[in-house]
Amino acid sequence: MEIELSDALDELVELQEATDEAHAQLTRLQEELGDSAGWTEEQQVTWRDAWEDAREPWWLLDSALDHYAEQFGMDREELEATVQKAAGHALQDEA
């Protein structure tokens, strides 16, 4: 069964949204913890664990972008821009 481009885009947008949420969680955690110079060992472990959790959706998105760009004969950066726009990101040219 061959995957359609529209199905791939749906999957990529879901992965982008998961990556965005993981980044937002890291940002909230950093705001909550404050300056890293004053973190306790427990806070450092909490940050490291959150960072590791956030890397997984990013890695999945990055790998899927490479895979689908190759599968559909697309430029990876163009595919990534399409996914980001579909996920509600403002493109740098538009910002």
N, C-alpha and C. Protein backbone atom coordinates (compact mmCIF):
# COMPACT_ATOMS: atom_id res chain seq x y z
N MET A 1 0.85 -1.19 0.00
CA MET A 1 0.00 0.00 0.00
C MET A 1 0.88 1.24 0.00
N GLU A 2 0.74 2.05 -1.00
CA GLU A 2 1.55 3.26 -1.12
C GLU A 2 0.83 4.42 -0.44
N ILE A 3 1.57 5.20 0.30
CA ILE A 3 0.98 6.32 1.01
C ILE A 3 0.82 7.51 0.06
N GLU A 4 -0.26 8.23 0.19
CA GLU A 4 -0.54 9.41 -0.61
C GLU A 4 0.13 10.62 0.04
N LEU A 5 0.44 11.61 -0.76
CA LEU A 5 1.06 12.83 -0.24
C LEU A 5 0.18 13.49 0.81
N SER A 6 -1.13 13.51 0.60
CA SER A 6 -2.03 14.14 1.58
C SER A 6 -1.97 13.42 2.92
N ASP A 7 -1.87 12.08 2.90
CA ASP A 7 -1.74 11.31 4.13
C ASP A 7 -0.41 11.61 4.82
N ALA A 8 0.64 11.71 4.02
CA ALA A 8 1.96 12.04 4.57
C ALA A 8 1.94 13.43 5.20
N LEU A 9 1.29 14.39 4.55
CA LEU A 9 1.20 15.74 5.10
C LEU A 9 0.43 15.74 6.41
N ASP A 10 -0.66 14.97 6.47
CA ASP A 10 -1.41 14.87 7.73
C ASP A 10 -0.51 14.35 8.85
N GLU A 11 0.25 13.30 8.54
CA GLU A 11 1.16 12.73 9.54
C GLU A 11 2.22 13.74 9.94
N LEU A 12 2.78 14.43 8.97
CA LEU A 12 3.84 15.41 9.25
C LEU A 12 3.31 16.57 10.08
N VAL A 13 2.10 17.02 9.79
CA VAL A 13 1.50 18.11 10.59
C VAL A 13 1.29 17.65 12.03
N GLU A 14 0.84 16.42 12.22
CA GLU A 14 0.68 15.89 13.58
C GLU A 14 2.02 15.86 14.31
N LEU A 15 3.05 15.43 13.61
CA LEU A 15 4.39 15.40 14.22
C LEU A 15 4.88 16.81 14.52
N GLN A 16 4.60 17.76 13.63
CA GLN A 16 4.99 19.16 13.86
C GLN A 16 4.27 19.70 15.10
N GLU A 17 3.00 19.39 15.23
CA GLU A 17 2.23 19.85 16.39
C GLU A 17 2.76 19.23 17.68
N ALA A 18 3.15 17.97 17.64
CA ALA A 18 3.73 17.32 18.82
C ALA A 18 5.08 17.97 19.16
N THR A 19 5.86 18.29 18.15
CA THR A 19 7.14 18.97 18.36
C THR A 19 6.91 20.35 18.96
N ASP A 20 5.92 21.07 18.44
CA ASP A 20 5.61 22.40 18.96
C ASP A 20 5.18 22.34 20.42
N GLU A 21 4.36 21.36 20.75
CA GLU A 21 3.89 21.21 22.13
C GLU A 21 5.06 20.87 23.06
N ALA A 22 5.93 19.98 22.62
CA ALA A 22 7.10 19.63 23.44
C ALA A 22 7.97 20.85 23.68
N HIS A 23 8.15 21.67 22.66
CA HIS A 23 8.94 22.90 22.80
C HIS A 23 8.26 23.85 23.78
N ALA A 24 6.94 23.97 23.66
CA ALA A 24 6.19 24.85 24.57
C ALA A 24 6.31 24.36 26.01
N GLN A 25 6.27 23.06 26.22
CA GLN A 25 6.43 22.51 27.57
C GLN A 25 7.81 22.82 28.13
N LEU A 26 8.83 22.71 27.30
CA LEU A 26 10.19 23.06 27.74
C LEU A 26 10.29 24.54 28.10
N THR A 27 9.66 25.37 27.30
CA THR A 27 9.68 26.81 27.58
C THR A 27 8.99 27.11 28.90
N ARG A 28 7.83 26.49 29.13
CA ARG A 28 7.12 26.69 30.40
C ARG A 28 7.95 26.20 31.58
N LEU A 29 8.60 25.05 31.41
CA LEU A 29 9.43 24.51 32.49
C LEU A 29 10.59 25.44 32.79
N GLN A 30 11.23 25.96 31.76
CA GLN A 30 12.35 26.86 31.98
C GLN A 30 11.89 28.13 32.69
N GLU A 31 10.73 28.65 32.30
CA GLU A 31 10.19 29.82 32.99
C GLU A 31 9.91 29.51 34.45
N GLU A 32 9.38 28.32 34.70
CA GLU A 32 9.07 27.90 36.07
C GLU A 32 10.34 27.73 36.90
N LEU A 33 11.37 27.13 36.31
CA LEU A 33 12.60 26.86 37.06
C LEU A 33 13.49 28.08 37.21
N GLY A 34 13.40 29.02 36.31
CA GLY A 34 14.21 30.22 36.39
C GLY A 34 15.63 29.98 35.88
N ASP A 35 16.53 30.83 36.34
CA ASP A 35 17.93 30.80 35.90
C ASP A 35 18.59 29.47 36.24
N SER A 36 19.15 28.84 35.21
CA SER A 36 19.73 27.50 35.40
C SER A 36 20.92 27.50 36.34
N ALA A 37 21.54 28.64 36.55
CA ALA A 37 22.70 28.69 37.45
C ALA A 37 22.30 28.35 38.89
N GLY A 38 21.04 28.55 39.22
CA GLY A 38 20.59 28.29 40.59
C GLY A 38 19.81 27.00 40.77
N TRP A 39 19.79 26.15 39.76
CA TRP A 39 19.00 24.93 39.85
C TRP A 39 19.61 23.94 40.83
N THR A 40 18.71 23.26 41.53
CA THR A 40 19.14 22.16 42.38
C THR A 40 19.42 20.95 41.49
N GLU A 41 19.99 19.91 42.07
CA GLU A 41 20.23 18.69 41.31
C GLU A 41 18.91 18.12 40.80
N GLU A 42 17.88 18.16 41.64
CA GLU A 42 16.57 17.65 41.24
C GLU A 42 16.01 18.43 40.05
N GLN A 43 16.17 19.75 40.06
CA GLN A 43 15.70 20.57 38.95
C GLN A 43 16.49 20.26 37.66
N GLN A 44 17.78 20.01 37.81
CA GLN A 44 18.59 19.66 36.65
C GLN A 44 18.13 18.33 36.05
N VAL A 45 17.80 17.38 36.91
CA VAL A 45 17.29 16.09 36.43
C VAL A 45 15.94 16.28 35.75
N THR A 46 15.08 17.10 36.34
CA THR A 46 13.78 17.38 35.75
C THR A 46 13.94 17.99 34.36
N TRP A 47 14.86 18.95 34.23
CA TRP A 47 15.11 19.58 32.93
C TRP A 47 15.65 18.57 31.93
N ARG A 48 16.63 17.78 32.35
CA ARG A 48 17.23 16.80 31.45
C ARG A 48 16.18 15.81 30.95
N ASP A 49 15.34 15.34 31.85
CA ASP A 49 14.28 14.40 31.46
C ASP A 49 13.29 15.04 30.49
N ALA A 50 12.92 16.29 30.74
CA ALA A 50 12.00 17.00 29.85
C ALA A 50 12.65 17.22 28.49
N TRP A 51 13.94 17.54 28.49
CA TRP A 51 14.66 17.74 27.23
C TRP A 51 14.69 16.44 26.42
N GLU A 52 14.97 15.34 27.08
CA GLU A 52 14.99 14.04 26.40
C GLU A 52 13.61 13.69 25.84
N ASP A 53 12.57 13.98 26.61
CA ASP A 53 11.21 13.73 26.13
C ASP A 53 10.87 14.59 24.91
N ALA A 54 11.37 15.82 24.89
CA ALA A 54 11.09 16.74 23.79
C ALA A 54 11.87 16.37 22.53
N ARG A 55 12.98 15.71 22.68
CA ARG A 55 13.79 15.34 21.52
C ARG A 55 13.11 14.28 20.67
N GLU A 56 12.32 13.41 21.28
CA GLU A 56 11.70 12.33 20.52
C GLU A 56 10.78 12.83 19.41
N PRO A 57 9.81 13.73 19.69
CA PRO A 57 8.96 14.19 18.58
C PRO A 57 9.76 14.96 17.53
N TRP A 58 10.76 15.71 17.95
CA TRP A 58 11.59 16.42 16.98
C TRP A 58 12.30 15.41 16.07
N TRP A 59 12.87 14.38 16.66
CA TRP A 59 13.59 13.37 15.88
C TRP A 59 12.64 12.66 14.92
N LEU A 60 11.45 12.32 15.39
CA LEU A 60 10.46 11.66 14.53
C LEU A 60 10.08 12.56 13.36
N LEU A 61 9.86 13.85 13.63
CA LEU A 61 9.52 14.78 12.56
C LEU A 61 10.67 14.92 11.57
N ASP A 62 11.87 15.08 12.07
CA ASP A 62 13.03 15.23 11.21
C ASP A 62 13.22 14.01 10.31
N SER A 63 13.09 12.84 10.88
CA SER A 63 13.23 11.61 10.10
C SER A 63 12.12 11.46 9.07
N ALA A 64 10.89 11.79 9.46
CA ALA A 64 9.76 11.68 8.53
C ALA A 64 9.89 12.68 7.39
N LEU A 65 10.37 13.88 7.68
CA LEU A 65 10.58 14.86 6.61
C LEU A 65 11.59 14.34 5.59
N ASP A 66 12.69 13.77 6.08
CA ASP A 66 13.69 13.20 5.17
C ASP A 66 13.07 12.07 4.33
N HIS A 67 12.35 11.19 5.00
CA HIS A 67 11.75 10.04 4.32
C HIS A 67 10.76 10.46 3.24
N TYR A 68 9.81 11.31 3.60
CA TYR A 68 8.77 11.69 2.64
C TYR A 68 9.31 12.58 1.53
N ALA A 69 10.26 13.43 1.84
CA ALA A 69 10.86 14.25 0.78
C ALA A 69 11.50 13.34 -0.27
N GLU A 70 12.20 12.32 0.20
CA GLU A 70 12.81 11.37 -0.73
C GLU A 70 11.75 10.57 -1.47
N GLN A 71 10.75 10.07 -0.74
CA GLN A 71 9.71 9.23 -1.34
C GLN A 71 8.94 9.97 -2.43
N PHE A 72 8.67 11.26 -2.20
CA PHE A 72 7.86 12.01 -3.16
C PHE A 72 8.71 12.88 -4.09
N GLY A 73 10.03 12.75 -4.00
CA GLY A 73 10.91 13.51 -4.87
C GLY A 73 10.81 15.01 -4.66
N MET A 74 10.66 15.41 -3.40
CA MET A 74 10.50 16.83 -3.06
C MET A 74 11.76 17.36 -2.40
N ASP A 75 11.92 18.67 -2.46
CA ASP A 75 12.96 19.33 -1.70
C ASP A 75 12.57 19.32 -0.22
N ARG A 76 13.47 18.86 0.65
CA ARG A 76 13.14 18.71 2.06
C ARG A 76 12.72 20.04 2.69
N GLU A 77 13.45 21.11 2.37
CA GLU A 77 13.14 22.41 2.96
C GLU A 77 11.77 22.91 2.50
N GLU A 78 11.43 22.63 1.25
CA GLU A 78 10.12 23.02 0.74
C GLU A 78 9.02 22.23 1.45
N LEU A 79 9.24 20.95 1.64
CA LEU A 79 8.27 20.12 2.36
C LEU A 79 8.12 20.60 3.80
N GLU A 80 9.23 20.90 4.44
CA GLU A 80 9.19 21.39 5.82
C GLU A 80 8.42 22.70 5.91
N ALA A 81 8.63 23.61 4.98
CA ALA A 81 7.91 24.89 4.96
C ALA A 81 6.41 24.66 4.77
N THR A 82 6.06 23.71 3.92
CA THR A 82 4.65 23.37 3.69
C THR A 82 4.01 22.85 4.98
N VAL A 83 4.73 21.98 5.67
CA VAL A 83 4.24 21.40 6.92
C VAL A 83 4.08 22.49 7.97
N GLN A 84 5.08 23.33 8.11
CA GLN A 84 5.01 24.40 9.11
C GLN A 84 3.86 25.35 8.83
N LYS A 85 3.66 25.68 7.58
CA LYS A 85 2.54 26.56 7.23
C LYS A 85 1.21 25.88 7.57
N ALA A 86 1.09 24.60 7.23
CA ALA A 86 -0.14 23.86 7.53
C ALA A 86 -0.38 23.73 9.04
N ALA A 87 0.71 23.75 9.81
CA ALA A 87 0.60 23.65 11.27
C ALA A 87 0.40 25.01 11.92
N GLY A 88 0.30 26.06 11.09
CA GLY A 88 -0.01 27.39 11.63
C GLY A 88 1.20 28.24 11.94
N HIS A 89 2.37 27.85 11.48
CA HIS A 89 3.56 28.66 11.69
C HIS A 89 3.56 29.82 10.70
N ALA A 90 3.99 30.98 11.15
CA ALA A 90 4.21 32.08 10.23
C ALA A 90 5.57 31.86 9.60
N LEU A 91 5.64 31.91 8.29
CA LEU A 91 6.91 31.73 7.61
C LEU A 91 7.77 32.97 7.82
N GLN A 92 9.08 32.78 7.82
CA GLN A 92 10.00 33.88 8.10
C GLN A 92 9.80 35.03 7.13
N ASP A 93 9.49 34.75 5.86
CA ASP A 93 9.26 35.82 4.89
C ASP A 93 8.03 36.63 5.23
N GLU A 94 7.07 35.98 5.92
CA GLU A 94 5.81 36.64 6.25
C GLU A 94 5.87 37.32 7.61
N ALA A 95 6.85 36.96 8.44
CA ALA A 95 6.91 37.47 9.81
C ALA A 95 7.31 38.93 9.85
